[in-house]
């Protein structure tokens, strides 16, 4: 995994918002801590979906592949352990986005998030766009009391 994506030069062929528009499926998610140790905060085979629309809106979700189900079918009737496992195995947020081709960044301006601390916050991602593959790299984010840099590879679905 590359912890930082090298900024691409802004050229006539540089990606723009229309190149991001579509639905993307998560292919891989790898994180590294400050010692360069690989960790998988969402498990070995996470699933995810990322959507960018032509109006500047976006939504993203990542989940562990196998989260334990609640004993009850009532969405508000989980035990403390069930709720914790569900929360720890899922992240989702939505908002708008802007692209800076000179810096090769896409900024997610978060309106709503499962993690309430991100509401109203900008999340910057370094990108590489290669045909139907989109790679997003995070700056260090605090996950489980460790600063992790993550690289997520997405495949265009449509």
N, C-alpha and C. Protein backbone atom coordinates (compact mmCIF):
# COMPACT_ATOMS: atom_id res chain seq x y z
N UNK A 1 0.84 -1.17 0.00
CA UNK A 1 0.00 0.00 0.00
C UNK A 1 0.88 1.22 0.00
N UNK A 2 0.50 2.21 -0.76
CA UNK A 2 1.16 3.49 -0.72
C UNK A 2 0.41 4.36 0.26
N UNK A 3 1.11 4.91 1.24
CA UNK A 3 0.40 5.69 2.26
C UNK A 3 0.00 7.06 1.74
N UNK A 4 0.70 7.58 0.76
CA UNK A 4 0.33 8.85 0.16
C UNK A 4 0.29 8.68 -1.33
N UNK A 5 -0.74 9.19 -1.95
CA UNK A 5 -0.80 9.17 -3.40
C UNK A 5 -0.11 10.43 -3.89
N UNK A 6 0.73 10.28 -4.86
CA UNK A 6 1.45 11.43 -5.39
C UNK A 6 0.49 12.33 -6.15
N UNK A 7 0.53 13.65 -5.88
CA UNK A 7 -0.35 14.55 -6.61
C UNK A 7 -0.06 14.50 -8.11
N UNK A 8 -1.10 14.43 -8.89
CA UNK A 8 -0.95 14.45 -10.34
C UNK A 8 -0.91 15.90 -10.80
N UNK A 9 -0.23 16.14 -11.90
CA UNK A 9 -0.23 17.48 -12.46
C UNK A 9 -1.58 17.77 -13.09
N UNK A 10 -2.05 19.00 -12.92
CA UNK A 10 -3.30 19.40 -13.56
C UNK A 10 -3.01 19.60 -15.04
N UNK A 11 -3.59 18.75 -15.86
CA UNK A 11 -3.40 18.84 -17.30
C UNK A 11 -4.77 18.84 -17.96
N UNK A 12 -4.75 18.94 -19.25
CA UNK A 12 -6.00 18.90 -19.98
C UNK A 12 -6.73 17.58 -19.72
N UNK A 13 -5.97 16.51 -19.46
CA UNK A 13 -6.56 15.20 -19.21
C UNK A 13 -6.83 14.93 -17.74
N UNK A 14 -6.60 15.91 -16.86
CA UNK A 14 -6.81 15.71 -15.43
C UNK A 14 -8.29 15.40 -15.17
N UNK A 15 -8.56 14.52 -14.22
CA UNK A 15 -9.95 14.20 -13.89
C UNK A 15 -10.72 15.43 -13.43
N UNK A 16 -12.00 15.42 -13.67
CA UNK A 16 -12.87 16.47 -13.17
C UNK A 16 -14.09 15.80 -12.54
N UNK A 17 -15.02 16.61 -12.10
CA UNK A 17 -16.18 16.07 -11.37
C UNK A 17 -16.93 15.02 -12.18
N UNK A 18 -17.04 15.20 -13.49
CA UNK A 18 -17.81 14.23 -14.27
C UNK A 18 -17.13 12.86 -14.29
N UNK A 19 -15.80 12.81 -14.11
CA UNK A 19 -15.10 11.52 -14.07
C UNK A 19 -15.41 10.75 -12.79
N UNK A 20 -15.83 11.45 -11.73
CA UNK A 20 -16.15 10.81 -10.47
C UNK A 20 -17.61 10.33 -10.42
N UNK A 21 -18.46 10.95 -11.23
CA UNK A 21 -19.89 10.66 -11.17
C UNK A 21 -20.15 9.19 -11.46
N UNK A 22 -20.90 8.58 -10.55
CA UNK A 22 -21.27 7.18 -10.72
C UNK A 22 -21.31 6.46 -9.39
N UNK A 23 -21.46 5.15 -9.49
CA UNK A 23 -21.52 4.28 -8.33
C UNK A 23 -20.27 3.41 -8.34
N UNK A 24 -19.63 3.30 -7.18
CA UNK A 24 -18.36 2.59 -7.05
C UNK A 24 -18.50 1.51 -5.97
N UNK A 25 -17.95 0.34 -6.23
CA UNK A 25 -17.95 -0.78 -5.28
C UNK A 25 -16.55 -0.94 -4.71
N UNK A 26 -16.46 -1.17 -3.40
CA UNK A 26 -15.17 -1.33 -2.73
C UNK A 26 -14.50 -2.63 -3.18
N UNK A 27 -13.25 -2.50 -3.60
CA UNK A 27 -12.45 -3.65 -4.02
C UNK A 27 -11.48 -4.05 -2.91
N UNK A 28 -10.84 -3.05 -2.29
CA UNK A 28 -9.90 -3.35 -1.21
C UNK A 28 -9.80 -2.15 -0.27
N UNK A 29 -9.41 -2.45 0.97
CA UNK A 29 -9.28 -1.45 2.02
C UNK A 29 -8.11 -1.90 2.90
N UNK A 30 -7.03 -1.12 2.85
CA UNK A 30 -5.85 -1.46 3.63
C UNK A 30 -5.41 -0.23 4.41
N UNK A 31 -5.03 -0.44 5.66
CA UNK A 31 -4.56 0.66 6.50
C UNK A 31 -3.19 0.34 7.05
N UNK A 32 -2.45 1.39 7.37
CA UNK A 32 -1.14 1.23 8.00
C UNK A 32 -1.04 2.20 9.17
N UNK A 33 -0.40 1.73 10.23
CA UNK A 33 -0.21 2.61 11.38
C UNK A 33 1.15 3.31 11.26
N UNK A 34 1.55 4.01 12.30
CA UNK A 34 2.79 4.81 12.25
C UNK A 34 4.04 3.95 12.14
N UNK A 35 3.95 2.66 12.45
CA UNK A 35 5.10 1.76 12.30
C UNK A 35 5.07 1.04 10.97
N UNK A 36 4.12 1.42 10.10
CA UNK A 36 3.94 0.83 8.78
C UNK A 36 3.38 -0.59 8.84
N UNK A 37 2.78 -0.94 9.98
CA UNK A 37 2.15 -2.24 10.13
C UNK A 37 0.77 -2.20 9.47
N UNK A 38 0.49 -3.21 8.65
CA UNK A 38 -0.81 -3.29 7.97
C UNK A 38 -1.86 -3.75 8.97
N UNK A 39 -2.98 -3.03 8.99
CA UNK A 39 -4.12 -3.42 9.82
C UNK A 39 -5.37 -3.36 8.95
N UNK A 40 -6.39 -4.07 9.37
CA UNK A 40 -7.65 -4.11 8.63
C UNK A 40 -8.78 -3.74 9.60
N UNK A 41 -9.02 -2.43 9.81
CA UNK A 41 -10.02 -2.01 10.80
C UNK A 41 -11.44 -2.45 10.46
N UNK A 42 -11.71 -2.83 9.22
CA UNK A 42 -13.05 -3.27 8.82
C UNK A 42 -13.06 -4.75 8.47
N UNK A 43 -12.05 -5.47 8.94
CA UNK A 43 -11.98 -6.90 8.66
C UNK A 43 -11.21 -7.19 7.38
N UNK A 44 -11.09 -8.48 7.08
CA UNK A 44 -10.30 -8.90 5.92
C UNK A 44 -11.00 -8.72 4.59
N UNK A 45 -12.32 -8.65 4.59
CA UNK A 45 -13.05 -8.57 3.33
C UNK A 45 -14.22 -7.58 3.46
N UNK A 46 -13.91 -6.29 3.68
CA UNK A 46 -15.01 -5.34 3.86
C UNK A 46 -15.77 -5.12 2.56
N UNK A 47 -16.98 -4.64 2.69
CA UNK A 47 -17.81 -4.30 1.54
C UNK A 47 -18.11 -2.81 1.62
N UNK A 48 -18.32 -2.19 0.48
CA UNK A 48 -18.63 -0.77 0.50
C UNK A 48 -19.21 -0.28 -0.81
N UNK A 49 -19.84 0.87 -0.71
CA UNK A 49 -20.43 1.52 -1.86
C UNK A 49 -20.18 3.02 -1.73
N UNK A 50 -19.80 3.64 -2.83
CA UNK A 50 -19.52 5.06 -2.88
C UNK A 50 -20.25 5.64 -4.09
N UNK A 51 -20.96 6.73 -3.89
CA UNK A 51 -21.75 7.33 -4.97
C UNK A 51 -21.43 8.81 -5.06
N UNK A 52 -21.13 9.26 -6.27
CA UNK A 52 -20.98 10.69 -6.57
C UNK A 52 -21.99 11.02 -7.65
N UNK A 53 -22.75 12.12 -7.49
CA UNK A 53 -23.68 12.50 -8.55
C UNK A 53 -23.20 13.77 -9.25
N UNK A 54 -23.88 14.08 -10.34
CA UNK A 54 -23.50 15.22 -11.19
C UNK A 54 -23.81 16.56 -10.54
N UNK A 55 -24.52 16.57 -9.42
CA UNK A 55 -24.88 17.81 -8.75
C UNK A 55 -23.95 18.12 -7.58
N UNK A 56 -22.92 17.31 -7.39
CA UNK A 56 -21.96 17.54 -6.31
C UNK A 56 -22.31 16.86 -5.01
N UNK A 57 -23.26 15.92 -5.03
CA UNK A 57 -23.62 15.16 -3.84
C UNK A 57 -22.85 13.84 -3.80
N UNK A 58 -22.60 13.34 -2.61
CA UNK A 58 -21.90 12.06 -2.46
C UNK A 58 -22.42 11.33 -1.23
N UNK A 59 -22.21 10.01 -1.24
CA UNK A 59 -22.52 9.17 -0.09
C UNK A 59 -21.59 7.97 -0.13
N UNK A 60 -21.11 7.57 1.04
CA UNK A 60 -20.22 6.42 1.11
C UNK A 60 -20.53 5.55 2.31
N UNK A 61 -20.31 4.25 2.14
CA UNK A 61 -20.55 3.29 3.21
C UNK A 61 -19.49 2.19 3.12
N UNK A 62 -19.02 1.77 4.28
CA UNK A 62 -18.11 0.63 4.37
C UNK A 62 -18.56 -0.21 5.56
N UNK A 63 -18.57 -1.54 5.39
CA UNK A 63 -19.01 -2.43 6.45
C UNK A 63 -18.15 -3.68 6.50
N UNK A 64 -18.05 -4.24 7.67
CA UNK A 64 -17.46 -5.58 7.79
C UNK A 64 -18.36 -6.54 7.03
N UNK A 65 -17.77 -7.58 6.48
CA UNK A 65 -18.55 -8.56 5.73
C UNK A 65 -19.52 -9.33 6.60
N UNK A 66 -19.11 -9.69 7.79
CA UNK A 66 -19.94 -10.55 8.64
C UNK A 66 -20.13 -9.89 10.00
N UNK A 67 -21.14 -9.05 10.09
CA UNK A 67 -21.47 -8.44 11.38
C UNK A 67 -22.52 -9.31 12.05
N UNK A 68 -22.40 -9.51 13.37
CA UNK A 68 -23.40 -10.33 14.06
C UNK A 68 -24.77 -9.67 14.03
N UNK A 69 -25.79 -10.47 13.88
CA UNK A 69 -27.16 -9.96 13.87
C UNK A 69 -27.66 -9.79 15.30
N UNK A 70 -28.67 -8.95 15.47
CA UNK A 70 -29.30 -8.76 16.78
C UNK A 70 -30.20 -9.96 17.06
N UNK A 71 -30.38 -10.27 18.33
CA UNK A 71 -31.30 -11.34 18.72
C UNK A 71 -32.74 -10.95 18.38
N UNK A 72 -33.05 -9.66 18.46
CA UNK A 72 -34.38 -9.15 18.19
C UNK A 72 -34.44 -8.57 16.78
N UNK A 73 -35.62 -8.63 16.16
CA UNK A 73 -35.81 -7.98 14.86
C UNK A 73 -36.21 -6.51 15.01
N UNK A 74 -36.30 -6.02 16.23
CA UNK A 74 -36.62 -4.62 16.52
C UNK A 74 -35.34 -3.80 16.40
N UNK A 75 -35.31 -2.85 15.47
CA UNK A 75 -34.12 -2.05 15.20
C UNK A 75 -33.61 -1.29 16.43
N UNK A 76 -34.47 -1.04 17.40
CA UNK A 76 -34.08 -0.31 18.60
C UNK A 76 -33.97 -1.19 19.84
N UNK A 77 -33.88 -2.50 19.64
CA UNK A 77 -33.90 -3.40 20.77
C UNK A 77 -32.61 -4.21 20.88
N UNK A 78 -31.50 -3.68 20.41
CA UNK A 78 -30.24 -4.39 20.52
C UNK A 78 -29.65 -4.25 21.91
N UNK A 79 -28.93 -5.27 22.33
CA UNK A 79 -28.20 -5.17 23.60
C UNK A 79 -27.04 -4.20 23.41
N UNK A 80 -26.42 -3.80 24.50
CA UNK A 80 -25.26 -2.91 24.42
C UNK A 80 -24.16 -3.53 23.56
N UNK A 81 -23.91 -4.81 23.73
CA UNK A 81 -22.87 -5.50 22.94
C UNK A 81 -23.25 -5.58 21.46
N UNK A 82 -24.53 -5.84 21.19
CA UNK A 82 -24.97 -5.90 19.79
C UNK A 82 -24.84 -4.55 19.10
N UNK A 83 -25.25 -3.50 19.79
CA UNK A 83 -25.16 -2.14 19.23
C UNK A 83 -23.70 -1.77 19.00
N UNK A 84 -22.85 -2.07 19.94
CA UNK A 84 -21.42 -1.77 19.82
C UNK A 84 -20.81 -2.49 18.61
N UNK A 85 -21.11 -3.77 18.46
CA UNK A 85 -20.57 -4.53 17.34
C UNK A 85 -21.09 -3.98 16.01
N UNK A 86 -22.35 -3.58 15.97
CA UNK A 86 -22.92 -3.02 14.75
C UNK A 86 -22.24 -1.69 14.41
N UNK A 87 -22.06 -0.84 15.40
CA UNK A 87 -21.41 0.46 15.18
C UNK A 87 -19.95 0.28 14.78
N UNK A 88 -19.24 -0.60 15.48
CA UNK A 88 -17.82 -0.81 15.19
C UNK A 88 -17.57 -1.43 13.83
N UNK A 89 -18.60 -2.02 13.23
CA UNK A 89 -18.42 -2.69 11.95
C UNK A 89 -18.99 -1.94 10.77
N UNK A 90 -19.26 -0.64 10.95
CA UNK A 90 -19.93 0.10 9.86
C UNK A 90 -19.59 1.57 9.94
N UNK A 91 -19.35 2.18 8.81
CA UNK A 91 -19.23 3.65 8.73
C UNK A 91 -19.97 4.11 7.49
N UNK A 92 -20.70 5.18 7.64
CA UNK A 92 -21.44 5.75 6.52
C UNK A 92 -21.53 7.24 6.70
N UNK A 93 -21.43 7.96 5.59
CA UNK A 93 -21.65 9.40 5.63
C UNK A 93 -22.10 9.89 4.27
N UNK A 94 -22.66 11.10 4.25
CA UNK A 94 -23.11 11.71 3.00
C UNK A 94 -22.91 13.22 3.09
N UNK A 95 -22.93 13.85 1.94
CA UNK A 95 -22.78 15.30 1.87
C UNK A 95 -22.53 15.72 0.43
N UNK A 96 -21.65 16.69 0.28
CA UNK A 96 -21.28 17.17 -1.05
C UNK A 96 -19.78 16.95 -1.22
N UNK A 97 -19.31 17.20 -2.44
CA UNK A 97 -17.88 17.00 -2.68
C UNK A 97 -17.35 18.06 -3.64
N UNK A 98 -16.05 18.34 -3.50
CA UNK A 98 -15.33 19.21 -4.44
C UNK A 98 -14.02 18.52 -4.78
N UNK A 99 -13.54 18.81 -5.97
CA UNK A 99 -12.32 18.19 -6.47
C UNK A 99 -11.28 19.28 -6.72
N UNK A 100 -10.05 19.03 -6.30
CA UNK A 100 -8.92 19.91 -6.57
C UNK A 100 -7.94 19.10 -7.43
N UNK A 101 -7.94 19.34 -8.73
CA UNK A 101 -7.08 18.56 -9.62
C UNK A 101 -5.60 18.91 -9.42
N UNK A 102 -5.30 20.14 -9.00
CA UNK A 102 -3.90 20.51 -8.77
C UNK A 102 -3.30 19.72 -7.62
N UNK A 103 -4.09 19.43 -6.59
CA UNK A 103 -3.61 18.67 -5.44
C UNK A 103 -3.99 17.20 -5.50
N UNK A 104 -4.76 16.81 -6.50
CA UNK A 104 -5.30 15.45 -6.62
C UNK A 104 -6.06 15.05 -5.36
N UNK A 105 -6.96 15.95 -4.94
CA UNK A 105 -7.79 15.65 -3.77
C UNK A 105 -9.26 15.79 -4.11
N UNK A 106 -10.05 14.97 -3.43
CA UNK A 106 -11.50 15.13 -3.42
C UNK A 106 -11.85 15.36 -1.96
N UNK A 107 -12.61 16.42 -1.70
CA UNK A 107 -13.00 16.75 -0.34
C UNK A 107 -14.47 16.43 -0.16
N UNK A 108 -14.76 15.60 0.82
CA UNK A 108 -16.14 15.26 1.18
C UNK A 108 -16.57 16.22 2.28
N UNK A 109 -17.56 17.06 1.98
CA UNK A 109 -18.11 18.02 2.94
C UNK A 109 -19.30 17.32 3.61
N UNK A 110 -19.09 16.83 4.82
CA UNK A 110 -20.04 15.90 5.44
C UNK A 110 -21.23 16.61 6.08
N UNK A 111 -22.41 16.20 5.65
CA UNK A 111 -23.68 16.70 6.18
C UNK A 111 -24.23 15.77 7.25
N UNK A 112 -24.10 14.46 7.03
CA UNK A 112 -24.60 13.46 7.98
C UNK A 112 -23.66 12.28 8.03
N UNK A 113 -23.50 11.70 9.23
CA UNK A 113 -22.58 10.59 9.39
C UNK A 113 -23.00 9.71 10.55
N UNK A 114 -22.74 8.41 10.43
CA UNK A 114 -22.93 7.51 11.55
C UNK A 114 -22.05 7.95 12.72
N UNK A 115 -20.85 8.45 12.41
CA UNK A 115 -19.95 8.99 13.43
C UNK A 115 -20.25 10.48 13.56
N UNK A 116 -20.97 10.89 14.61
CA UNK A 116 -21.46 12.27 14.71
C UNK A 116 -20.36 13.34 14.71
N UNK A 117 -19.15 12.99 15.10
CA UNK A 117 -18.06 13.97 15.13
C UNK A 117 -17.68 14.45 13.73
N UNK A 118 -18.08 13.71 12.70
CA UNK A 118 -17.73 14.11 11.34
C UNK A 118 -18.78 15.04 10.72
N UNK A 119 -19.93 15.20 11.33
CA UNK A 119 -20.97 16.09 10.77
C UNK A 119 -20.44 17.52 10.75
N UNK A 120 -20.51 18.13 9.57
CA UNK A 120 -20.02 19.50 9.41
C UNK A 120 -18.52 19.60 9.19
N UNK A 121 -17.86 18.46 9.05
CA UNK A 121 -16.41 18.41 8.90
C UNK A 121 -16.08 18.02 7.46
N UNK A 122 -14.97 18.55 6.95
CA UNK A 122 -14.48 18.16 5.64
C UNK A 122 -13.50 17.00 5.79
N UNK A 123 -13.67 15.98 4.98
CA UNK A 123 -12.76 14.84 4.93
C UNK A 123 -12.06 14.87 3.58
N UNK A 124 -10.75 15.07 3.59
CA UNK A 124 -9.96 15.15 2.37
C UNK A 124 -9.42 13.77 2.04
N UNK A 125 -9.52 13.42 0.76
CA UNK A 125 -8.98 12.16 0.27
C UNK A 125 -8.10 12.47 -0.95
N UNK A 126 -6.92 11.85 -0.99
CA UNK A 126 -6.05 11.95 -2.16
C UNK A 126 -6.51 10.89 -3.15
N UNK A 127 -6.60 11.25 -4.41
CA UNK A 127 -7.15 10.30 -5.37
C UNK A 127 -6.20 10.01 -6.52
N UNK A 128 -6.42 8.83 -7.09
CA UNK A 128 -5.89 8.45 -8.40
C UNK A 128 -7.06 7.82 -9.13
N UNK A 129 -7.29 8.29 -10.33
CA UNK A 129 -8.39 7.77 -11.14
C UNK A 129 -7.78 7.16 -12.39
N UNK A 130 -8.01 5.87 -12.57
CA UNK A 130 -7.45 5.14 -13.70
C UNK A 130 -8.57 4.36 -14.36
N UNK A 131 -9.22 4.97 -15.32
CA UNK A 131 -10.33 4.31 -16.02
C UNK A 131 -11.47 4.04 -15.06
N UNK A 132 -11.75 2.77 -14.84
CA UNK A 132 -12.87 2.39 -13.97
C UNK A 132 -12.43 2.10 -12.53
N UNK A 133 -11.21 2.48 -12.18
CA UNK A 133 -10.69 2.30 -10.81
C UNK A 133 -10.41 3.66 -10.18
N UNK A 134 -10.89 3.81 -8.97
CA UNK A 134 -10.67 5.03 -8.18
C UNK A 134 -9.98 4.62 -6.89
N UNK A 135 -8.82 5.18 -6.63
CA UNK A 135 -8.10 4.92 -5.39
C UNK A 135 -8.16 6.17 -4.54
N UNK A 136 -8.61 6.03 -3.30
CA UNK A 136 -8.68 7.13 -2.36
C UNK A 136 -7.78 6.81 -1.17
N UNK A 137 -6.95 7.77 -0.78
CA UNK A 137 -6.06 7.61 0.37
C UNK A 137 -6.38 8.68 1.39
N UNK A 138 -6.45 8.27 2.65
CA UNK A 138 -6.76 9.21 3.71
C UNK A 138 -5.49 9.77 4.33
N UNK A 139 -5.57 10.96 4.89
CA UNK A 139 -4.52 11.37 5.81
C UNK A 139 -4.68 10.53 7.08
N UNK A 140 -3.79 10.63 8.05
CA UNK A 140 -3.97 9.84 9.28
C UNK A 140 -5.31 10.15 9.96
N UNK A 141 -6.06 9.09 10.28
CA UNK A 141 -7.33 9.20 10.99
C UNK A 141 -7.25 8.35 12.25
N UNK A 142 -7.85 8.82 13.32
CA UNK A 142 -7.84 8.09 14.58
C UNK A 142 -8.86 6.95 14.52
N UNK A 143 -8.37 5.71 14.62
CA UNK A 143 -9.21 4.51 14.58
C UNK A 143 -8.72 3.57 15.68
N UNK A 144 -9.56 3.31 16.66
CA UNK A 144 -9.17 2.41 17.74
C UNK A 144 -7.93 2.89 18.48
N UNK A 145 -7.83 4.19 18.71
CA UNK A 145 -6.72 4.83 19.44
C UNK A 145 -5.40 4.80 18.67
N UNK A 146 -5.46 4.51 17.36
CA UNK A 146 -4.26 4.56 16.52
C UNK A 146 -4.51 5.46 15.32
N UNK A 147 -3.49 6.19 14.93
CA UNK A 147 -3.57 6.99 13.71
C UNK A 147 -3.28 6.07 12.53
N UNK A 148 -4.28 5.93 11.64
CA UNK A 148 -4.14 5.05 10.48
C UNK A 148 -4.28 5.84 9.20
N UNK A 149 -3.43 5.52 8.24
CA UNK A 149 -3.58 6.01 6.87
C UNK A 149 -4.17 4.84 6.09
N UNK A 150 -5.22 5.11 5.37
CA UNK A 150 -5.91 4.03 4.65
C UNK A 150 -5.93 4.30 3.16
N UNK A 151 -5.91 3.23 2.40
CA UNK A 151 -6.06 3.29 0.95
C UNK A 151 -7.23 2.39 0.58
N UNK A 152 -8.21 2.99 -0.07
CA UNK A 152 -9.41 2.27 -0.51
C UNK A 152 -9.42 2.26 -2.03
N UNK A 153 -9.59 1.10 -2.61
CA UNK A 153 -9.68 0.98 -4.06
C UNK A 153 -11.13 0.66 -4.40
N UNK A 154 -11.68 1.44 -5.33
CA UNK A 154 -13.06 1.32 -5.75
C UNK A 154 -13.12 0.99 -7.23
N UNK A 155 -14.10 0.17 -7.61
CA UNK A 155 -14.34 -0.19 -9.01
C UNK A 155 -15.67 0.43 -9.43
N UNK A 156 -15.67 1.10 -10.58
CA UNK A 156 -16.92 1.69 -11.07
C UNK A 156 -17.94 0.61 -11.37
N UNK A 157 -19.16 0.77 -10.85
CA UNK A 157 -20.25 -0.15 -11.11
C UNK A 157 -21.07 0.40 -12.28
N UNK A 158 -21.35 1.70 -12.24
CA UNK A 158 -22.07 2.38 -13.32
C UNK A 158 -21.78 3.85 -13.30
